Amino acid sequence: MRRRDVKPAPDQVETIIGRNTTFQGVLQSAGAVRVEGRVQGEIRAEGDVYVTETAVVEAQIHGRQVAIAGEVRGDVHAAARLDLVGTGKLVGDFYAPKIVVAEGATFEGRSHMTGLDAAAGEAAAAGGR
């Protein structure tokens, strides 16, 4: 039998940075990424990016949907949607066609509301770099 390379669903978590893990560099994933620890550098996911309450991210983030419950210092490029939950903190600019900000969330930066087509094109271009 031949092995087929199957692309994961955009919400299927393939990569987890654990609570006691520190990652430095460029993290690229064809699926979703869940960050519970520390990341410095850049996250490029074709799927969703989840930043949990325990996470501290000092990086640019590129993803389909990005949900922030922890702390992010860096620009966020969400092709479909950005969610800042009540415990989330974003210090940096965001580029997304949709945003949901829950009560208690913190945002310091500039907002760039992009069209769905523009955001998808930007995310595709970012993934190819």
Protein backbone atom coordinates (compact mmCIF):
# COMPACT_ATOMS: atom_id res chain seq x y z
CA MET A 1 0.00 0.00 0.00
CA ARG A 2 1.09 3.50 -0.72
CA ARG A 3 1.12 6.02 2.02
CA ARG A 4 -0.88 9.11 1.19
CA ASP A 5 -0.03 12.46 2.67
CA VAL A 6 -3.31 13.57 4.14
CA LYS A 7 -3.65 17.21 5.08
CA PRO A 8 -5.14 17.62 8.57
CA ALA A 9 -8.34 19.49 9.24
CA PRO A 10 -7.61 23.14 10.16
CA ASP A 11 -8.94 22.62 13.69
CA GLN A 12 -7.15 19.28 14.23
CA VAL A 13 -4.31 19.96 16.68
CA GLU A 14 -1.11 18.39 15.40
CA THR A 15 1.39 20.33 17.47
CA ILE A 16 1.34 21.03 21.21
CA ILE A 17 3.92 23.15 22.98
CA GLY A 18 3.52 21.87 26.54
CA ARG A 19 3.23 23.93 29.69
CA ASN A 20 6.86 23.26 30.71
CA THR A 21 8.28 23.72 27.19
CA THR A 22 10.09 26.67 25.64
CA PHE A 23 10.41 26.92 21.86
CA GLN A 24 12.55 29.45 19.97
CA GLY A 25 12.48 29.80 16.20
CA VAL A 26 9.94 29.38 13.42
CA LEU A 27 7.22 26.83 14.08
CA GLN A 28 5.38 25.70 10.92
CA SER A 29 2.38 23.36 10.90
CA ALA A 30 -0.07 22.09 8.29
CA GLY A 31 -2.63 21.61 11.08
CA ALA A 32 -3.57 23.45 14.24
CA VAL A 33 -1.13 24.47 16.99
CA ARG A 34 -1.84 24.59 20.73
CA VAL A 35 0.58 26.60 22.87
CA GLU A 36 0.61 26.01 26.63
CA GLY A 37 4.24 27.02 27.27
CA ARG A 38 6.59 29.71 25.93
CA VAL A 39 7.28 30.52 22.28
CA GLN A 40 9.70 33.11 20.91
CA GLY A 41 10.00 33.74 17.18
CA GLU A 42 7.17 32.95 14.79
CA ILE A 43 4.21 30.59 14.49
CA ARG A 44 2.94 29.76 10.98
CA ALA A 45 -0.02 27.41 10.95
CA GLU A 46 -2.28 26.57 8.04
CA GLY A 47 -4.86 25.62 10.67
CA ASP A 48 -5.94 27.25 13.90
CA VAL A 49 -3.69 28.56 16.67
CA TYR A 50 -4.71 28.23 20.32
CA VAL A 51 -2.79 30.20 22.96
CA THR A 52 -3.91 28.85 26.33
CA GLU A 53 -4.04 30.69 29.67
CA THR A 54 -0.63 29.35 30.70
CA ALA A 55 1.12 30.44 27.48
CA VAL A 56 3.48 33.35 26.95
CA VAL A 57 4.16 34.02 23.27
CA GLU A 58 6.65 36.57 21.97
CA ALA A 59 6.15 35.93 18.30
CA GLN A 60 4.29 36.78 15.16
CA ILE A 61 1.36 34.44 14.69
CA HIS A 62 -0.13 33.42 11.34
CA GLY A 63 -3.15 31.10 11.37
CA ARG A 64 -6.63 30.46 10.08
CA GLN A 65 -8.40 31.21 13.37
CA VAL A 66 -6.40 32.45 16.35
CA ALA A 67 -7.70 32.20 19.93
CA ILE A 68 -5.77 33.95 22.70
CA ALA A 69 -6.38 33.10 26.36
CA GLY A 70 -2.77 33.72 27.48
CA GLU A 71 -0.28 36.48 26.68
CA VAL A 72 0.88 37.37 23.17
CA ARG A 73 3.47 40.02 22.35
CA GLY A 74 3.66 40.32 18.58
CA ASP A 75 1.49 40.79 15.54
CA VAL A 76 -1.35 38.36 14.81
CA HIS A 77 -2.49 37.52 11.26
CA ALA A 78 -5.75 35.55 11.33
CA ALA A 79 -7.16 34.56 7.93
CA ALA A 80 -10.67 33.96 9.30
CA ARG A 81 -11.07 35.17 12.89
CA LEU A 82 -9.33 36.37 16.06
CA ASP A 83 -10.77 35.52 19.49
CA LEU A 84 -9.50 37.33 22.59
CA VAL A 85 -11.00 35.50 25.54
CA GLY A 86 -11.42 37.08 28.97
CA THR A 87 -7.97 36.08 30.21
CA GLY A 88 -6.23 36.95 26.94
CA LYS A 89 -3.71 39.74 26.42
CA LEU A 90 -2.47 40.92 23.03
CA VAL A 91 0.26 43.54 22.76
CA GLY A 92 0.73 44.03 19.04
CA ASP A 93 -1.21 44.65 15.87
CA PHE A 94 -3.76 42.26 14.46
CA TYR A 95 -4.94 41.62 10.92
CA ALA A 96 -8.24 39.75 10.69
CA PRO A 97 -11.63 40.00 8.97
CA LYS A 98 -13.47 39.20 12.23
CA ILE A 99 -12.64 39.72 15.89
CA VAL A 100 -14.36 38.72 19.11
CA VAL A 101 -13.18 40.40 22.31
CA ALA A 102 -14.53 39.03 25.58
CA GLU A 103 -14.97 41.11 28.69
CA GLY A 104 -11.71 41.22 30.62
CA ALA A 105 -9.43 40.78 27.59
CA THR A 106 -6.59 43.26 27.02
CA PHE A 107 -5.48 44.67 23.66
CA GLU A 108 -2.71 47.20 23.02
CA GLY A 109 -1.95 47.87 19.39
CA ARG A 110 -3.54 48.65 16.08
CA SER A 111 -6.42 46.79 14.53
CA HIS A 112 -6.56 46.07 10.83
CA MET A 113 -9.92 44.67 9.76
CA THR A 114 -9.19 42.87 6.51
CA GLY A 115 -11.62 41.34 4.04
CA LEU A 116 -11.92 37.56 4.01
CA ASP A 117 -10.31 37.35 0.56
CA ALA A 118 -7.43 39.64 1.51
CA ALA A 119 -6.78 37.81 4.78
CA ALA A 120 -6.85 34.40 3.07
CA GLY A 121 -4.41 35.63 0.44
CA GLU A 122 -2.14 37.09 3.10
CA ALA A 123 -2.19 33.88 5.13
CA ALA A 124 -1.41 31.80 2.02
CA ALA A 125 1.47 34.10 1.12
CA ALA A 126 2.79 33.97 4.69
CA GLY A 127 2.66 30.18 4.69
CA GLY A 128 4.80 30.00 1.58
CA ARG A 129 7.64 32.10 2.96
